[in-house]
Amino acid sequence: MTVDTKTVSGRRELTYQNYDELLADAERLAAVPCRTLGNWSYAPILTHLASALGSSIDGVPFSMPFPVQLFAKLALKSKFLSKTLPAGFKIPKNAEQQFSPPDSASVQEALESLRRAAGRCQQESNCARHPLFGKLTRQEWDQFSLRHAELHMSFVQSE
């Protein structure tokens, strides 16, 4: 049964200032029994976040139509860089395969993927175009990535 993530209650309230804080939280949860409140278990959440961080450098094979990008830049960019992203957002169908995580990785394997991806973001200044906001600086990409991580990690609870 699929959970409507817009309506999930009891999520953690998180604010990550940097990748070290994200990794510390991810490692703490990997070391204890945990449960998730949404549709994905913990390993797929970590795998998804690692993939998303990598896309800030390597890019994605799609972008939103220009009118949507223009609206997003004017109305959403500032909010999405400074506040945790809203739950329940549906990504475009052509992006689902890239960003829907496999269930095959262990938590430790997924955590290692997240560590590598965060390390790349901390070391590389090169940035790909964001599919919704277009050109972002490395700092803007990092802020968006941390807001995205807050969203997904808010569904993970230690038992």
N, C-alpha and C. Protein backbone atom coordinates (compact mmCIF):
# COMPACT_ATOMS: atom_id res chain seq x y z
N MET A 1 0.83 -1.18 0.00
CA MET A 1 0.00 0.00 0.00
C MET A 1 0.88 1.25 0.00
N THR A 2 0.63 2.15 -0.90
CA THR A 2 1.40 3.37 -1.01
C THR A 2 0.89 4.41 -0.01
N VAL A 3 1.85 5.05 0.65
CA VAL A 3 1.54 6.08 1.64
C VAL A 3 1.49 7.43 0.93
N ASP A 4 0.48 8.23 1.21
CA ASP A 4 0.43 9.61 0.71
C ASP A 4 1.35 10.43 1.61
N THR A 5 2.55 10.72 1.14
CA THR A 5 3.55 11.36 1.99
C THR A 5 3.19 12.79 2.40
N LYS A 6 2.24 13.39 1.71
CA LYS A 6 1.78 14.73 2.11
C LYS A 6 1.09 14.70 3.47
N THR A 7 0.53 13.55 3.83
CA THR A 7 -0.29 13.46 5.04
C THR A 7 0.40 12.77 6.21
N VAL A 8 1.66 12.37 6.04
CA VAL A 8 2.36 11.65 7.10
C VAL A 8 2.63 12.58 8.29
N SER A 9 2.27 12.11 9.47
CA SER A 9 2.56 12.89 10.68
C SER A 9 3.69 12.22 11.45
N GLY A 10 4.29 12.97 12.36
CA GLY A 10 5.36 12.43 13.19
C GLY A 10 6.74 12.47 12.56
N ARG A 11 6.87 13.17 11.44
CA ARG A 11 8.20 13.28 10.81
C ARG A 11 9.12 14.13 11.68
N ARG A 12 10.42 13.86 11.57
CA ARG A 12 11.40 14.66 12.31
C ARG A 12 11.54 16.02 11.65
N GLU A 13 11.78 17.04 12.46
CA GLU A 13 12.09 18.37 11.94
C GLU A 13 13.60 18.51 11.91
N LEU A 14 14.14 18.75 10.72
CA LEU A 14 15.59 18.78 10.53
C LEU A 14 16.03 20.05 9.84
N THR A 15 17.24 20.47 10.16
CA THR A 15 17.92 21.53 9.42
C THR A 15 19.39 21.15 9.36
N TYR A 16 19.88 20.90 8.15
CA TYR A 16 21.30 20.60 7.96
C TYR A 16 21.99 21.87 7.46
N GLN A 17 23.05 22.25 8.13
CA GLN A 17 23.84 23.41 7.71
C GLN A 17 24.88 23.02 6.66
N ASN A 18 25.29 21.75 6.66
CA ASN A 18 26.33 21.30 5.75
C ASN A 18 26.26 19.78 5.60
N TYR A 19 27.09 19.25 4.71
CA TYR A 19 27.07 17.81 4.44
C TYR A 19 27.55 17.01 5.65
N ASP A 20 28.44 17.57 6.46
CA ASP A 20 28.89 16.86 7.65
C ASP A 20 27.73 16.57 8.60
N GLU A 21 26.81 17.52 8.75
CA GLU A 21 25.65 17.30 9.60
C GLU A 21 24.72 16.24 9.02
N LEU A 22 24.53 16.27 7.71
CA LEU A 22 23.73 15.24 7.05
C LEU A 22 24.35 13.87 7.28
N LEU A 23 25.65 13.75 7.04
CA LEU A 23 26.33 12.46 7.19
C LEU A 23 26.30 11.98 8.64
N ALA A 24 26.47 12.88 9.59
CA ALA A 24 26.42 12.49 11.00
C ALA A 24 25.05 11.91 11.34
N ASP A 25 24.00 12.54 10.87
CA ASP A 25 22.65 12.05 11.11
C ASP A 25 22.44 10.69 10.43
N ALA A 26 22.88 10.58 9.19
CA ALA A 26 22.74 9.32 8.44
C ALA A 26 23.51 8.19 9.13
N GLU A 27 24.70 8.48 9.59
CA GLU A 27 25.51 7.45 10.26
C GLU A 27 24.90 7.06 11.60
N ARG A 28 24.37 8.03 12.34
CA ARG A 28 23.73 7.73 13.63
C ARG A 28 22.55 6.79 13.41
N LEU A 29 21.72 7.07 12.41
CA LEU A 29 20.56 6.22 12.14
C LEU A 29 20.96 4.85 11.59
N ALA A 30 22.08 4.79 10.87
CA ALA A 30 22.54 3.50 10.34
C ALA A 30 23.04 2.57 11.45
N ALA A 31 23.39 3.16 12.59
CA ALA A 31 23.95 2.38 13.69
C ALA A 31 22.89 1.82 14.66
N VAL A 32 21.64 2.21 14.46
CA VAL A 32 20.57 1.77 15.37
C VAL A 32 19.40 1.23 14.55
N PRO A 33 18.54 0.45 15.18
CA PRO A 33 17.32 0.04 14.46
C PRO A 33 16.48 1.28 14.13
N CYS A 34 15.97 1.35 12.93
CA CYS A 34 15.13 2.49 12.56
C CYS A 34 13.98 2.02 11.68
N ARG A 35 13.01 2.90 11.56
CA ARG A 35 11.85 2.64 10.72
C ARG A 35 11.60 3.90 9.89
N THR A 36 10.85 3.74 8.83
CA THR A 36 10.51 4.89 8.00
C THR A 36 9.00 5.06 7.96
N LEU A 37 8.57 6.30 7.80
CA LEU A 37 7.16 6.62 7.82
C LEU A 37 6.55 6.73 6.42
N GLY A 38 7.38 6.71 5.39
CA GLY A 38 6.88 6.88 4.04
C GLY A 38 6.87 5.58 3.26
N ASN A 39 7.21 5.67 1.99
CA ASN A 39 7.14 4.52 1.08
C ASN A 39 8.47 3.79 0.90
N TRP A 40 9.57 4.41 1.28
CA TRP A 40 10.89 3.82 1.08
C TRP A 40 11.48 3.42 2.42
N SER A 41 12.26 2.34 2.41
CA SER A 41 13.02 1.98 3.60
C SER A 41 14.29 2.84 3.63
N TYR A 42 15.09 2.66 4.66
CA TYR A 42 16.23 3.56 4.88
C TYR A 42 17.29 3.48 3.77
N ALA A 43 17.67 2.29 3.37
CA ALA A 43 18.71 2.16 2.34
C ALA A 43 18.31 2.87 1.03
N PRO A 44 17.09 2.67 0.53
CA PRO A 44 16.70 3.40 -0.68
C PRO A 44 16.70 4.93 -0.51
N ILE A 45 16.38 5.41 0.67
CA ILE A 45 16.45 6.86 0.91
C ILE A 45 17.88 7.33 0.75
N LEU A 46 18.82 6.63 1.37
CA LEU A 46 20.24 7.02 1.26
C LEU A 46 20.72 6.93 -0.18
N THR A 47 20.32 5.88 -0.89
CA THR A 47 20.72 5.71 -2.29
C THR A 47 20.16 6.84 -3.14
N HIS A 48 18.91 7.20 -2.91
CA HIS A 48 18.29 8.31 -3.64
C HIS A 48 19.04 9.62 -3.38
N LEU A 49 19.37 9.89 -2.13
CA LEU A 49 20.09 11.12 -1.81
C LEU A 49 21.47 11.14 -2.47
N ALA A 50 22.16 10.00 -2.46
CA ALA A 50 23.47 9.92 -3.11
C ALA A 50 23.34 10.21 -4.61
N SER A 51 22.33 9.63 -5.24
CA SER A 51 22.11 9.87 -6.67
C SER A 51 21.80 11.34 -6.94
N ALA A 52 20.98 11.94 -6.09
CA ALA A 52 20.63 13.35 -6.28
C ALA A 52 21.86 14.24 -6.10
N LEU A 53 22.71 13.94 -5.13
CA LEU A 53 23.93 14.74 -4.96
C LEU A 53 24.82 14.61 -6.19
N GLY A 54 24.94 13.40 -6.71
CA GLY A 54 25.74 13.20 -7.91
C GLY A 54 25.20 13.97 -9.10
N SER A 55 23.88 14.10 -9.18
CA SER A 55 23.28 14.82 -10.30
C SER A 55 23.59 16.31 -10.25
N SER A 56 23.94 16.84 -9.08
CA SER A 56 24.31 18.26 -9.01
C SER A 56 25.62 18.52 -9.74
N ILE A 57 26.39 17.47 -9.94
CA ILE A 57 27.67 17.58 -10.67
C ILE A 57 27.53 17.02 -12.08
N ASP A 58 26.93 15.84 -12.18
CA ASP A 58 26.87 15.13 -13.46
C ASP A 58 25.68 15.51 -14.33
N GLY A 59 24.67 16.13 -13.74
CA GLY A 59 23.48 16.52 -14.48
C GLY A 59 22.44 15.43 -14.54
N VAL A 60 21.31 15.79 -15.11
CA VAL A 60 20.20 14.86 -15.30
C VAL A 60 19.76 14.95 -16.76
N PRO A 61 19.18 13.87 -17.28
CA PRO A 61 18.83 13.84 -18.70
C PRO A 61 17.48 14.50 -19.03
N PHE A 62 17.02 15.42 -18.23
CA PHE A 62 15.76 16.08 -18.51
C PHE A 62 15.79 17.48 -17.91
N SER A 63 14.89 18.31 -18.36
CA SER A 63 14.67 19.61 -17.72
C SER A 63 13.19 19.95 -17.88
N MET A 64 12.75 20.86 -17.09
CA MET A 64 11.35 21.27 -17.14
C MET A 64 11.18 22.27 -18.28
N PRO A 65 9.98 22.40 -18.82
CA PRO A 65 9.72 23.38 -19.89
C PRO A 65 10.05 24.79 -19.41
N PHE A 66 10.45 25.63 -20.34
CA PHE A 66 10.88 27.00 -20.00
C PHE A 66 9.86 27.76 -19.15
N PRO A 67 8.56 27.75 -19.47
CA PRO A 67 7.62 28.49 -18.62
C PRO A 67 7.61 28.00 -17.16
N VAL A 68 7.76 26.70 -16.97
CA VAL A 68 7.81 26.14 -15.62
C VAL A 68 9.09 26.60 -14.92
N GLN A 69 10.21 26.59 -15.65
CA GLN A 69 11.48 27.05 -15.07
C GLN A 69 11.39 28.52 -14.68
N LEU A 70 10.81 29.33 -15.53
CA LEU A 70 10.68 30.75 -15.23
C LEU A 70 9.84 30.97 -13.97
N PHE A 71 8.71 30.31 -13.90
CA PHE A 71 7.87 30.41 -12.70
C PHE A 71 8.64 29.96 -11.47
N ALA A 72 9.34 28.83 -11.59
CA ALA A 72 10.08 28.28 -10.45
C ALA A 72 11.17 29.24 -9.96
N LYS A 73 11.89 29.84 -10.91
CA LYS A 73 12.93 30.80 -10.53
C LYS A 73 12.36 31.99 -9.78
N LEU A 74 11.23 32.48 -10.26
CA LEU A 74 10.63 33.67 -9.66
C LEU A 74 9.88 33.37 -8.36
N ALA A 75 9.18 32.25 -8.31
CA ALA A 75 8.28 32.00 -7.18
C ALA A 75 8.79 30.98 -6.16
N LEU A 76 9.66 30.07 -6.58
CA LEU A 76 10.02 28.96 -5.70
C LEU A 76 11.48 28.88 -5.29
N LYS A 77 12.37 29.40 -6.10
CA LYS A 77 13.80 29.18 -5.87
C LYS A 77 14.23 29.58 -4.46
N SER A 78 13.91 30.78 -4.05
CA SER A 78 14.34 31.26 -2.73
C SER A 78 13.80 30.35 -1.62
N LYS A 79 12.54 29.96 -1.72
CA LYS A 79 11.92 29.08 -0.72
C LYS A 79 12.59 27.71 -0.70
N PHE A 80 12.83 27.14 -1.88
CA PHE A 80 13.40 25.80 -1.97
C PHE A 80 14.86 25.75 -1.55
N LEU A 81 15.54 26.88 -1.53
CA LEU A 81 16.92 26.91 -1.07
C LEU A 81 17.02 27.16 0.44
N SER A 82 15.94 27.67 1.03
CA SER A 82 16.02 28.06 2.44
C SER A 82 15.11 27.26 3.38
N LYS A 83 14.12 26.56 2.84
CA LYS A 83 13.18 25.82 3.69
C LYS A 83 13.08 24.37 3.21
N THR A 84 12.86 23.47 4.15
CA THR A 84 12.71 22.06 3.80
C THR A 84 11.65 21.91 2.71
N LEU A 85 11.91 21.07 1.75
CA LEU A 85 10.99 20.88 0.62
C LEU A 85 9.70 20.22 1.08
N PRO A 86 8.60 20.51 0.41
CA PRO A 86 7.32 19.91 0.79
C PRO A 86 7.27 18.42 0.42
N ALA A 87 6.63 17.64 1.26
CA ALA A 87 6.46 16.21 0.97
C ALA A 87 5.41 16.03 -0.11
N GLY A 88 5.50 14.91 -0.82
CA GLY A 88 4.48 14.56 -1.80
C GLY A 88 4.72 15.06 -3.20
N PHE A 89 5.85 15.69 -3.46
CA PHE A 89 6.17 16.19 -4.80
C PHE A 89 6.36 15.01 -5.74
N LYS A 90 5.75 15.06 -6.89
CA LYS A 90 5.89 14.00 -7.90
C LYS A 90 6.88 14.47 -8.97
N ILE A 91 7.95 13.69 -9.14
CA ILE A 91 8.92 14.03 -10.17
C ILE A 91 8.36 13.61 -11.54
N PRO A 92 8.85 14.23 -12.61
CA PRO A 92 8.37 13.87 -13.95
C PRO A 92 8.60 12.38 -14.25
N LYS A 93 7.69 11.80 -15.02
CA LYS A 93 7.78 10.37 -15.36
C LYS A 93 9.13 10.00 -15.96
N ASN A 94 9.69 10.90 -16.79
CA ASN A 94 10.96 10.58 -17.45
C ASN A 94 12.15 10.63 -16.48
N ALA A 95 11.94 11.03 -15.24
CA ALA A 95 13.01 11.07 -14.24
C ALA A 95 12.86 9.97 -13.20
N GLU A 96 11.73 9.30 -13.18
CA GLU A 96 11.48 8.30 -12.14
C GLU A 96 12.53 7.21 -12.11
N GLN A 97 12.93 6.71 -13.27
CA GLN A 97 13.90 5.62 -13.30
C GLN A 97 15.23 6.05 -12.69
N GLN A 98 15.68 7.26 -12.99
CA GLN A 98 16.96 7.73 -12.47
C GLN A 98 16.91 7.95 -10.96
N PHE A 99 15.81 8.45 -10.46
CA PHE A 99 15.76 8.85 -9.05
C PHE A 99 14.98 7.91 -8.14
N SER A 100 14.32 6.90 -8.69
CA SER A 100 13.68 5.91 -7.84
C SER A 100 14.74 4.89 -7.45
N PRO A 101 15.03 4.80 -6.18
CA PRO A 101 16.16 3.97 -5.75
C PRO A 101 15.85 2.48 -5.79
N PRO A 102 16.87 1.68 -6.06
CA PRO A 102 16.68 0.23 -5.98
C PRO A 102 16.60 -0.20 -4.51
N ASP A 103 15.97 -1.30 -4.27
CA ASP A 103 15.84 -1.81 -2.89
C ASP A 103 16.96 -2.79 -2.57
N SER A 104 17.94 -2.93 -3.47
CA SER A 104 18.92 -3.99 -3.33
C SER A 104 20.12 -3.65 -2.46
N ALA A 105 20.43 -2.40 -2.25
CA ALA A 105 21.61 -2.03 -1.47
C ALA A 105 21.33 -2.20 0.02
N SER A 106 22.37 -2.56 0.75
CA SER A 106 22.25 -2.60 2.21
C SER A 106 22.37 -1.17 2.73
N VAL A 107 22.00 -0.96 3.97
CA VAL A 107 22.13 0.38 4.57
C VAL A 107 23.60 0.81 4.53
N GLN A 108 24.51 -0.08 4.84
CA GLN A 108 25.94 0.29 4.84
C GLN A 108 26.44 0.64 3.44
N GLU A 109 26.00 -0.10 2.43
CA GLU A 109 26.39 0.23 1.05
C GLU A 109 25.80 1.57 0.63
N ALA A 110 24.55 1.80 0.97
CA ALA A 110 23.90 3.06 0.62
C ALA A 110 24.55 4.23 1.36
N LEU A 111 24.92 4.03 2.62
CA LEU A 111 25.59 5.07 3.40
C LEU A 111 26.94 5.40 2.78
N GLU A 112 27.65 4.39 2.33
CA GLU A 112 28.95 4.64 1.67
C GLU A 112 28.76 5.42 0.37
N SER A 113 27.70 5.14 -0.39
CA SER A 113 27.40 5.91 -1.60
C SER A 113 27.12 7.36 -1.25
N LEU A 114 26.38 7.58 -0.17
CA LEU A 114 26.09 8.95 0.26
C LEU A 114 27.37 9.67 0.68
N ARG A 115 28.25 8.99 1.40
CA ARG A 115 29.54 9.60 1.80
C ARG A 115 30.33 10.03 0.57
N ARG A 116 30.43 9.13 -0.42
CA ARG A 116 31.19 9.46 -1.64
C ARG A 116 30.57 10.65 -2.37
N ALA A 117 29.25 10.65 -2.50
CA ALA A 117 28.57 11.74 -3.20
C ALA A 117 28.74 13.07 -2.47
N ALA A 118 28.61 13.06 -1.15
CA ALA A 118 28.80 14.29 -0.37
C ALA A 118 30.25 14.77 -0.50
N GLY A 119 31.19 13.85 -0.49
CA GLY A 119 32.60 14.21 -0.67
C GLY A 119 32.85 14.88 -2.01
N ARG A 120 32.23 14.35 -3.06
CA ARG A 120 32.36 14.98 -4.38
C ARG A 120 31.83 16.41 -4.35
N CYS A 121 30.67 16.60 -3.74
CA CYS A 121 30.07 17.94 -3.68
C CYS A 121 30.95 18.90 -2.89
N GLN A 122 31.64 18.41 -1.89
CA GLN A 122 32.51 19.26 -1.09
C GLN A 122 33.82 19.59 -1.81
N GLN A 123 34.22 18.75 -2.76
CA GLN A 123 35.51 18.94 -3.44
C GLN A 123 35.40 19.56 -4.82
N GLU A 124 34.30 19.36 -5.50
CA GLU A 124 34.17 19.83 -6.88
C GLU A 124 33.38 21.14 -6.94
N SER A 125 33.89 22.07 -7.72
CA SER A 125 33.18 23.35 -7.86
C SER A 125 32.23 23.32 -9.07
N ASN A 126 32.42 22.36 -9.95
CA ASN A 126 31.62 22.23 -11.16
C ASN A 126 30.17 21.87 -10.80
N CYS A 127 29.23 22.51 -11.48
CA CYS A 127 27.80 22.28 -11.23
C CYS A 127 27.06 22.05 -12.55
N ALA A 128 26.14 21.13 -12.51
CA ALA A 128 25.24 20.92 -13.65
C ALA A 128 24.06 21.87 -13.54
N ARG A 129 23.32 22.00 -14.62
CA ARG A 129 22.09 22.80 -14.59
C ARG A 129 21.04 22.04 -13.79
N HIS A 130 20.32 22.75 -12.97
CA HIS A 130 19.22 22.16 -12.22
C HIS A 130 18.02 22.02 -13.17
N PRO A 131 17.31 20.89 -13.14
CA PRO A 131 16.22 20.70 -14.10
C PRO A 131 15.05 21.66 -13.90
N LEU A 132 14.90 22.24 -12.72
CA LEU A 132 13.82 23.18 -12.46
C LEU A 132 14.30 24.62 -12.41
N PHE A 133 15.46 24.87 -11.81
CA PHE A 133 15.93 26.24 -11.59
C PHE A 133 17.02 26.69 -12.57
N GLY A 134 17.48 25.80 -13.44
CA GLY A 134 18.52 26.18 -14.39
C GLY A 134 19.87 26.32 -13.71
N LYS A 135 20.60 27.36 -14.06
CA LYS A 135 21.96 27.55 -13.56
C LYS A 135 21.93 27.91 -12.07
N LEU A 136 22.65 27.11 -11.27
CA LEU A 136 22.82 27.39 -9.85
C LEU A 136 24.30 27.43 -9.53
N THR A 137 24.67 28.21 -8.54
CA THR A 137 26.05 28.19 -8.04
C THR A 137 26.25 26.92 -7.22
N ARG A 138 27.50 26.60 -6.89
CA ARG A 138 27.76 25.44 -6.04
C ARG A 138 27.06 25.61 -4.70
N GLN A 139 27.10 26.82 -4.13
CA GLN A 139 26.44 27.07 -2.84
C GLN A 139 24.93 26.88 -2.95
N GLU A 140 24.32 27.33 -4.03
CA GLU A 140 22.88 27.14 -4.21
C GLU A 140 22.53 25.66 -4.36
N TRP A 141 23.36 24.94 -5.14
CA TRP A 141 23.13 23.50 -5.29
C TRP A 141 23.23 22.82 -3.92
N ASP A 142 24.23 23.20 -3.14
CA ASP A 142 24.40 22.59 -1.82
C ASP A 142 23.19 22.88 -0.94
N GLN A 143 22.70 24.10 -0.96
CA GLN A 143 21.53 24.45 -0.16
C GLN A 143 20.31 23.63 -0.61
N PHE A 144 20.10 23.54 -1.92
CA PHE A 144 18.98 22.74 -2.41
C PHE A 144 19.15 21.27 -1.99
N SER A 145 20.35 20.75 -2.13
CA SER A 145 20.60 19.34 -1.79
C SER A 145 20.36 19.07 -0.31
N LEU A 146 20.73 20.00 0.54
CA LEU A 146 20.50 19.84 1.98
C LEU A 146 19.01 19.92 2.31
N ARG A 147 18.28 20.81 1.63
CA ARG A 147 16.83 20.89 1.85
C ARG A 147 16.16 19.59 1.39
N HIS A 148 16.63 19.05 0.28
CA HIS A 148 16.12 17.78 -0.25
C HIS A 148 16.41 16.65 0.74
N ALA A 149 17.61 16.64 1.30
CA ALA A 149 17.98 15.61 2.28
C ALA A 149 17.12 15.73 3.54
N GLU A 150 16.85 16.96 3.98
CA GLU A 150 15.99 17.15 5.15
C GLU A 150 14.62 16.52 4.93
N LEU A 151 14.08 16.72 3.73
CA LEU A 151 12.78 16.14 3.40
C LEU A 151 12.81 14.63 3.58
N HIS A 152 13.72 13.96 2.90
CA HIS A 152 13.74 12.50 2.93
C HIS A 152 14.14 11.95 4.29
N MET A 153 15.11 12.55 4.92
CA MET A 153 15.56 12.05 6.22
C MET A 153 14.52 12.30 7.31
N SER A 154 13.60 13.23 7.09
CA SER A 154 12.56 13.48 8.09
C SER A 154 11.63 12.28 8.26
N PHE A 155 11.60 11.38 7.29
CA PHE A 155 10.76 10.20 7.36
C PHE A 155 11.41 9.03 8.12
N VAL A 156 12.69 9.20 8.50
CA VAL A 156 13.44 8.12 9.16
C VAL A 156 13.42 8.36 10.67
N GLN A 157 13.00 7.34 11.39
CA GLN A 157 12.88 7.41 12.85
C GLN A 157 13.72 6.31 13.50
N SER A 158 14.48 6.65 14.53
CA SER A 158 15.14 5.59 15.28
C SER A 158 14.08 4.93 16.16
N GLU A 159 14.25 3.63 16.37
CA GLU A 159 13.25 2.89 17.18
C GLU A 159 13.59 2.93 18.65
